[in-house]
Amino acid sequence: MKLIMKKLPIIILALLAASNLIAAVETGAAAPAFTLTDTTGAEHSLSDFKGKYVVLEWTNHGCPFVLKHYKEGHMQALQKKMTEQGVVWLIVNSNAPGKQGHVSPQEGQKQIADKGMHATAMLLDTDGKVGRAYDARVTPHMYLIDPAGKLVYQGAIDSVRSTNSSDIQAAENYVLSAYLALKAGNPVENATTKPYGCGIKY
């Protein structure tokens, strides 16, 4: 009994570590349906984009992990590259009103303009229902949905867990890798990865 009690903290830590890799939506399952309003007041439903690849990018522009990808234009370049190929790129803000990271429609529009974003839309998930449905935990937390509406990638944006833009060049971008693999008819090598970033403020 004493031995079990001594090992209990280790067992708990191991279970917690494992739980970080377990997502609410299994990769390969149907992506949860949603309808959200964007910063212009227009509504977007996931079902509107059936037949297209869809990227979901959870964001918070006060987060250094997000800024890593935006401050030198890397995220914007990826958005442009993929949307020019017909991919729908939806930025999602699930930070609650009154909490750091939340934006009004006007503030969201200013971010889009100031950062030179090339996303399809910025969606405001004010009550956090969509974020919770996808188990979005951090910013940036990334998802790729295939034309059939299946979740084919979820997790980190890339392979280097840092806030340094200088690390991006040597990193593997998991979102782009998943998309290119599927377009070539190949399986996704890393279909689920552990996300890194700042916690979403639900």
C-alpha atoms as a PDB file:
ATOM      1  CA  MET A   1       0.000   0.000   0.000  1.00  0.00           C
ATOM      2  CA  LYS A   2       2.818   2.394   0.915  1.00  0.00           C
ATOM      3  CA  LEU A   3       4.533   1.628  -2.391  1.00  0.00           C
ATOM      4  CA  ILE A   4       1.328   2.409  -4.297  1.00  0.00           C
ATOM      5  CA  MET A   5       0.919   5.704  -2.412  1.00  0.00           C
ATOM      6  CA  LYS A   6       4.519   6.650  -3.226  1.00  0.00           C
ATOM      7  CA  LYS A   7       3.964   5.935  -6.918  1.00  0.00           C
ATOM      8  CA  LEU A   8       0.544   7.631  -7.071  1.00  0.00           C
ATOM      9  CA  PRO A   9       1.883  11.121  -7.978  1.00  0.00           C
ATOM     10  CA  ILE A  10       3.921   9.568 -10.817  1.00  0.00           C
ATOM     11  CA  ILE A  11       0.869   7.693 -12.077  1.00  0.00           C
ATOM     12  CA  ILE A  12      -1.249  10.865 -11.981  1.00  0.00           C
ATOM     13  CA  LEU A  13       1.382  12.839 -13.880  1.00  0.00           C
ATOM     14  CA  ALA A  14       1.598  10.105 -16.501  1.00  0.00           C
ATOM     15  CA  LEU A  15      -2.179  10.121 -16.951  1.00  0.00           C
ATOM     16  CA  LEU A  16      -2.220  13.911 -17.250  1.00  0.00           C
ATOM     17  CA  ALA A  17       0.514  13.799 -19.876  1.00  0.00           C
ATOM     18  CA  ALA A  18      -1.416  11.195 -21.834  1.00  0.00           C
ATOM     19  CA  SER A  19      -4.625  13.233 -21.600  1.00  0.00           C
ATOM     20  CA  ASN A  20      -2.881  16.140 -23.327  1.00  0.00           C
ATOM     21  CA  LEU A  21      -2.689  14.014 -26.469  1.00  0.00           C
ATOM     22  CA  ILE A  22      -6.349  12.905 -26.347  1.00  0.00           C
ATOM     23  CA  ALA A  23      -8.564  15.219 -28.370  1.00  0.00           C
ATOM     24  CA  ALA A  24     -12.311  15.716 -27.990  1.00  0.00           C
ATOM     25  CA  VAL A  25     -12.738  14.970 -31.701  1.00  0.00           C
ATOM     26  CA  GLU A  26     -10.810  12.009 -33.016  1.00  0.00           C
ATOM     27  CA  THR A  27      -8.688  12.672 -36.080  1.00  0.00           C
ATOM     28  CA  GLY A  28     -10.433  10.933 -38.964  1.00  0.00           C
ATOM     29  CA  ALA A  29     -13.916  11.617 -37.546  1.00  0.00           C
ATOM     30  CA  ALA A  30     -16.426  14.134 -38.886  1.00  0.00           C
ATOM     31  CA  ALA A  31     -15.540  17.685 -37.890  1.00  0.00           C
ATOM     32  CA  PRO A  32     -18.151  19.244 -35.569  1.00  0.00           C
ATOM     33  CA  ALA A  33     -20.659  21.413 -37.415  1.00  0.00           C
ATOM     34  CA  PHE A  34     -20.838  25.082 -36.512  1.00  0.00           C
ATOM     35  CA  THR A  35     -22.206  28.463 -37.535  1.00  0.00           C
ATOM     36  CA  LEU A  36     -20.398  31.624 -36.434  1.00  0.00           C
ATOM     37  CA  THR A  37     -20.515  35.316 -37.309  1.00  0.00           C
ATOM     38  CA  ASP A  38     -17.398  36.986 -38.662  1.00  0.00           C
ATOM     39  CA  THR A  39     -16.028  40.464 -37.998  1.00  0.00           C
ATOM     40  CA  THR A  40     -18.169  41.941 -40.804  1.00  0.00           C
ATOM     41  CA  GLY A  41     -21.404  40.484 -39.417  1.00  0.00           C
ATOM     42  CA  ALA A  42     -21.664  37.704 -42.021  1.00  0.00           C
ATOM     43  CA  GLU A  43     -22.511  34.165 -40.930  1.00  0.00           C
ATOM     44  CA  HIS A  44     -20.396  31.180 -41.915  1.00  0.00           C
ATOM     45  CA  SER A  45     -21.312  27.521 -41.458  1.00  0.00           C
ATOM     46  CA  LEU A  46     -18.868  24.680 -41.896  1.00  0.00           C
ATOM     47  CA  SER A  47     -21.400  23.076 -44.232  1.00  0.00           C
ATOM     48  CA  ASP A  48     -21.024  26.066 -46.586  1.00  0.00           C
ATOM     49  CA  PHE A  49     -17.558  24.803 -47.468  1.00  0.00           C
ATOM     50  CA  LYS A  50     -18.325  21.173 -48.283  1.00  0.00           C
ATOM     51  CA  GLY A  51     -16.072  20.061 -51.110  1.00  0.00           C
ATOM     52  CA  LYS A  52     -13.181  22.266 -49.977  1.00  0.00           C
ATOM     53  CA  TYR A  53     -10.303  21.946 -47.563  1.00  0.00           C
ATOM     54  CA  VAL A  54     -10.840  24.115 -44.479  1.00  0.00           C
ATOM     55  CA  VAL A  55      -8.185  25.351 -42.049  1.00  0.00           C
ATOM     56  CA  LEU A  56      -9.247  26.479 -38.578  1.00  0.00           C
ATOM     57  CA  GLU A  57      -6.741  28.692 -36.780  1.00  0.00           C
ATOM     58  CA  TRP A  58      -7.454  29.621 -33.152  1.00  0.00           C
ATOM     59  CA  THR A  59      -5.865  32.977 -32.382  1.00  0.00           C
ATOM     60  CA  ASN A  60      -5.018  35.620 -29.803  1.00  0.00           C
ATOM     61  CA  HIS A  61      -2.824  38.476 -30.989  1.00  0.00           C
ATOM     62  CA  GLY A  62      -1.604  39.191 -27.480  1.00  0.00           C
ATOM     63  CA  CYS A  63       0.028  35.760 -27.430  1.00  0.00           C
ATOM     64  CA  PRO A  64       3.766  35.573 -28.214  1.00  0.00           C
ATOM     65  CA  PHE A  65       3.322  32.161 -29.862  1.00  0.00           C
ATOM     66  CA  VAL A  66       0.839  33.703 -32.309  1.00  0.00           C
ATOM     67  CA  LEU A  67       3.024  36.767 -32.850  1.00  0.00           C
ATOM     68  CA  LYS A  68       5.926  34.442 -33.694  1.00  0.00           C
ATOM     69  CA  HIS A  69       4.088  33.489 -36.878  1.00  0.00           C
ATOM     70  CA  TYR A  70       2.646  36.911 -37.731  1.00  0.00           C
ATOM     71  CA  LYS A  71       5.335  39.479 -36.980  1.00  0.00           C
ATOM     72  CA  GLU A  72       7.467  38.616 -40.011  1.00  0.00           C
ATOM     73  CA  GLY A  73       4.574  37.594 -42.250  1.00  0.00           C
ATOM     74  CA  HIS A  74       4.934  33.799 -42.132  1.00  0.00           C
ATOM     75  CA  MET A  75       1.301  33.074 -41.208  1.00  0.00           C
ATOM     76  CA  GLN A  76       0.009  35.594 -43.731  1.00  0.00           C
ATOM     77  CA  ALA A  77       2.143  33.997 -46.466  1.00  0.00           C
ATOM     78  CA  LEU A  78       0.789  30.552 -45.599  1.00  0.00           C
ATOM     79  CA  GLN A  79      -2.778  31.863 -45.601  1.00  0.00           C
ATOM     80  CA  LYS A  80      -2.222  33.427 -49.022  1.00  0.00           C
ATOM     81  CA  LYS A  81      -0.562  30.320 -50.459  1.00  0.00           C
ATOM     82  CA  MET A  82      -3.338  28.008 -49.344  1.00  0.00           C
ATOM     83  CA  THR A  83      -6.347  30.240 -50.061  1.00  0.00           C
ATOM     84  CA  GLU A  84      -5.003  30.844 -53.577  1.00  0.00           C
ATOM     85  CA  GLN A  85      -5.276  27.071 -54.018  1.00  0.00           C
ATOM     86  CA  GLY A  86      -8.936  27.139 -52.979  1.00  0.00           C
ATOM     87  CA  VAL A  87      -8.502  26.344 -49.288  1.00  0.00           C
ATOM     88  CA  VAL A  88     -10.896  28.092 -46.895  1.00  0.00           C
ATOM     89  CA  TRP A  89      -8.953  29.577 -43.967  1.00  0.00           C
ATOM     90  CA  LEU A  90     -11.018  30.542 -40.939  1.00  0.00           C
ATOM     91  CA  ILE A  91      -9.434  32.336 -37.994  1.00  0.00           C
ATOM     92  CA  VAL A  92     -11.373  31.709 -34.774  1.00  0.00           C
ATOM     93  CA  ASN A  93     -11.294  33.845 -31.633  1.00  0.00           C
ATOM     94  CA  SER A  94     -12.825  32.034 -28.637  1.00  0.00           C
ATOM     95  CA  ASN A  95     -11.548  34.349 -25.901  1.00  0.00           C
ATOM     96  CA  ALA A  96     -14.455  35.449 -23.716  1.00  0.00           C
ATOM     97  CA  PRO A  97     -15.639  39.071 -23.370  1.00  0.00           C
ATOM     98  CA  GLY A  98     -13.709  40.836 -20.619  1.00  0.00           C
ATOM     99  CA  LYS A  99     -10.745  38.490 -20.917  1.00  0.00           C
ATOM    100  CA  GLN A 100      -7.389  39.035 -22.593  1.00  0.00           C
ATOM    101  CA  GLY A 101      -7.478  38.252 -26.296  1.00  0.00           C
ATOM    102  CA  HIS A 102     -11.159  38.951 -26.855  1.00  0.00           C
ATOM    103  CA  VAL A 103     -11.905  41.273 -29.760  1.00  0.00           C
ATOM    104  CA  SER A 104     -14.973  43.175 -30.905  1.00  0.00           C
ATOM    105  CA  PRO A 105     -15.899  42.999 -34.598  1.00  0.00           C
ATOM    106  CA  GLN A 106     -14.228  46.367 -35.122  1.00  0.00           C
ATOM    107  CA  GLU A 107     -11.054  45.290 -33.326  1.00  0.00           C
ATOM    108  CA  GLY A 108     -10.990  42.100 -35.353  1.00  0.00           C
ATOM    109  CA  GLN A 109     -11.300  44.045 -38.598  1.00  0.00           C
ATOM    110  CA  LYS A 110      -8.418  46.272 -37.501  1.00  0.00           C
ATOM    111  CA  GLN A 111      -6.259  43.206 -36.779  1.00  0.00           C
ATOM    112  CA  ILE A 112      -6.992  41.823 -40.229  1.00  0.00           C
ATOM    113  CA  ALA A 113      -5.973  45.114 -41.850  1.00  0.00           C
ATOM    114  CA  ASP A 114      -2.981  45.864 -39.634  1.00  0.00           C
ATOM    115  CA  LYS A 115      -1.520  42.360 -39.908  1.00  0.00           C
ATOM    116  CA  GLY A 116      -2.246  41.998 -43.621  1.00  0.00           C
ATOM    117  CA  MET A 117      -4.052  38.708 -43.105  1.00  0.00           C
ATOM    118  CA  HIS A 118      -5.123  36.594 -46.075  1.00  0.00           C
ATOM    119  CA  ALA A 119      -7.676  34.437 -44.273  1.00  0.00           C
ATOM    120  CA  THR A 120     -11.173  33.856 -45.628  1.00  0.00           C
ATOM    121  CA  ALA A 121     -12.720  35.289 -42.446  1.00  0.00           C
ATOM    122  CA  MET A 122     -12.183  35.881 -38.733  1.00  0.00           C
ATOM    123  CA  LEU A 123     -14.945  34.198 -36.741  1.00  0.00           C
ATOM    124  CA  LEU A 124     -16.022  35.350 -33.293  1.00  0.00           C
ATOM    125  CA  ASP A 125     -16.792  32.439 -30.972  1.00  0.00           C
ATOM    126  CA  THR A 126     -17.843  34.676 -28.093  1.00  0.00           C
ATOM    127  CA  ASP A 127     -19.455  31.971 -25.959  1.00  0.00           C
ATOM    128  CA  GLY A 128     -16.660  29.490 -26.669  1.00  0.00           C
ATOM    129  CA  LYS A 129     -19.001  26.712 -27.826  1.00  0.00           C
ATOM    130  CA  VAL A 130     -17.126  25.995 -31.032  1.00  0.00           C
ATOM    131  CA  GLY A 131     -13.746  26.104 -29.325  1.00  0.00           C
ATOM    132  CA  ARG A 132     -14.939  23.600 -26.738  1.00  0.00           C
ATOM    133  CA  ALA A 133     -16.503  21.373 -29.413  1.00  0.00           C
ATOM    134  CA  TYR A 134     -13.091  21.123 -31.080  1.00  0.00           C
ATOM    135  CA  ASP A 135     -11.244  21.029 -27.753  1.00  0.00           C
ATOM    136  CA  ALA A 136      -9.190  24.034 -28.869  1.00  0.00           C
ATOM    137  CA  ARG A 137      -6.839  24.695 -25.962  1.00  0.00           C
ATOM    138  CA  VAL A 138      -4.185  27.154 -27.054  1.00  0.00           C
ATOM    139  CA  THR A 139      -3.340  29.783 -29.626  1.00  0.00           C
ATOM    140  CA  PRO A 140      -2.416  28.902 -32.254  1.00  0.00           C
ATOM    141  CA  HIS A 141      -4.312  25.587 -32.259  1.00  0.00           C
ATOM    142  CA  MET A 142      -4.676  24.340 -35.825  1.00  0.00           C
ATOM    143  CA  TYR A 143      -7.120  22.030 -37.592  1.00  0.00           C
ATOM    144  CA  LEU A 144      -7.451  20.820 -41.181  1.00  0.00           C
ATOM    145  CA  ILE A 145     -10.759  19.503 -42.508  1.00  0.00           C
ATOM    146  CA  ASP A 146     -10.941  17.666 -45.824  1.00  0.00           C
ATOM    147  CA  PRO A 147     -13.542  18.199 -48.598  1.00  0.00           C
ATOM    148  CA  ALA A 148     -15.717  15.419 -47.155  1.00  0.00           C
ATOM    149  CA  GLY A 149     -15.909  17.225 -43.798  1.00  0.00           C
ATOM    150  CA  LYS A 150     -13.508  14.894 -42.017  1.00  0.00           C
ATOM    151  CA  LEU A 151     -10.953  16.186 -39.513  1.00  0.00           C
ATOM    152  CA  VAL A 152      -7.619  15.140 -40.997  1.00  0.00           C
ATOM    153  CA  TYR A 153      -5.150  17.115 -38.872  1.00  0.00           C
ATOM    154  CA  GLN A 154      -5.195  18.743 -35.447  1.00  0.00           C
ATOM    155  CA  GLY A 155      -2.529  20.112 -33.154  1.00  0.00           C
ATOM    156  CA  ALA A 156       0.458  22.428 -33.369  1.00  0.00           C
ATOM    157  CA  ILE A 157       1.177  24.633 -36.337  1.00  0.00           C
ATOM    158  CA  ASP A 158       4.750  23.393 -36.549  1.00  0.00           C
ATOM    159  CA  SER A 159       7.413  21.192 -35.015  1.00  0.00           C
ATOM    160  CA  VAL A 160       9.374  23.780 -33.016  1.00  0.00           C
ATOM    161  CA  ARG A 161       7.738  24.818 -29.763  1.00  0.00           C
ATOM    162  CA  SER A 162       9.081  28.335 -29.304  1.00  0.00           C
ATOM    163  CA  THR A 163       8.201  32.018 -29.577  1.00  0.00           C
ATOM    164  CA  ASN A 164      11.145  32.769 -31.894  1.00  0.00           C
ATOM    165  CA  SER A 165      10.400  33.606 -35.529  1.00  0.00           C
ATOM    166  CA  SER A 166      13.930  32.499 -36.388  1.00  0.00           C
ATOM    167  CA  ASP A 167      12.885  28.907 -35.628  1.00  0.00           C
ATOM    168  CA  ILE A 168      10.200  28.809 -38.325  1.00  0.00           C
ATOM    169  CA  GLN A 169      12.469  28.177 -41.285  1.00  0.00           C
ATOM    170  CA  ALA A 170      13.862  24.951 -39.828  1.00  0.00           C
ATOM    171  CA  ALA A 171      10.489  23.727 -38.542  1.00  0.00           C
ATOM    172  CA  GLU A 172       8.036  21.434 -40.282  1.00  0.00           C
ATOM    173  CA  ASN A 173       4.693  23.185 -40.782  1.00  0.00           C
ATOM    174  CA  TYR A 174       2.264  20.402 -39.910  1.00  0.00           C
ATOM    175  CA  VAL A 175      -0.754  22.088 -41.515  1.00  0.00           C
ATOM    176  CA  LEU A 176       0.950  22.550 -44.861  1.00  0.00           C
ATOM    177  CA  SER A 177       2.498  19.067 -44.728  1.00  0.00           C
ATOM    178  CA  ALA A 178      -0.914  17.478 -44.075  1.00  0.00           C
ATOM    179  CA  TYR A 179      -2.527  19.408 -46.920  1.00  0.00           C
ATOM    180  CA  LEU A 180       0.209  18.584 -49.428  1.00  0.00           C
ATOM    181  CA  ALA A 181       0.193  14.907 -48.461  1.00  0.00           C
ATOM    182  CA  LEU A 182      -3.544  14.611 -48.954  1.00  0.00           C
ATOM    183  CA  LYS A 183      -3.470  16.506 -52.248  1.00  0.00           C
ATOM    184  CA  ALA A 184      -0.834  14.043 -53.464  1.00  0.00           C
ATOM    185  CA  GLY A 185      -2.986  11.100 -52.370  1.00  0.00           C
ATOM    186  CA  ASN A 186      -0.738  10.160 -49.475  1.00  0.00           C
ATOM    187  CA  PRO A 187      -1.581   9.570 -45.791  1.00  0.00           C
ATOM    188  CA  VAL A 188      -0.789  12.309 -43.271  1.00  0.00           C
ATOM    189  CA  GLU A 189       2.335  11.303 -41.371  1.00  0.00           C
ATOM    190  CA  ASN A 190       1.621  13.419 -38.279  1.00  0.00           C
ATOM    191  CA  ALA A 191      -2.178  13.653 -38.165  1.00  0.00           C
ATOM    192  CA  THR A 192      -2.382  14.531 -34.455  1.00  0.00           C
ATOM    193  CA  THR A 193       0.276  16.511 -32.618  1.00  0.00           C
ATOM    194  CA  LYS A 194       0.439  18.212 -29.242  1.00  0.00           C
ATOM    195  CA  PRO A 195      -0.491  21.898 -29.643  1.00  0.00           C
ATOM    196  CA  TYR A 196       1.609  24.621 -28.060  1.00  0.00           C
ATOM    197  CA  GLY A 197       0.853  28.251 -27.275  1.00  0.00           C
ATOM    198  CA  CYS A 198      -1.113  30.435 -24.862  1.00  0.00           C
ATOM    199  CA  GLY A 199      -4.204  29.013 -23.209  1.00  0.00           C
ATOM    200  CA  ILE A 200      -7.533  30.156 -24.630  1.00  0.00           C
ATOM    201  CA  LYS A 201      -9.435  32.343 -22.151  1.00  0.00           C
ATOM    202  CA  TYR A 202     -12.904  30.800 -22.142  1.00  0.00           C
END
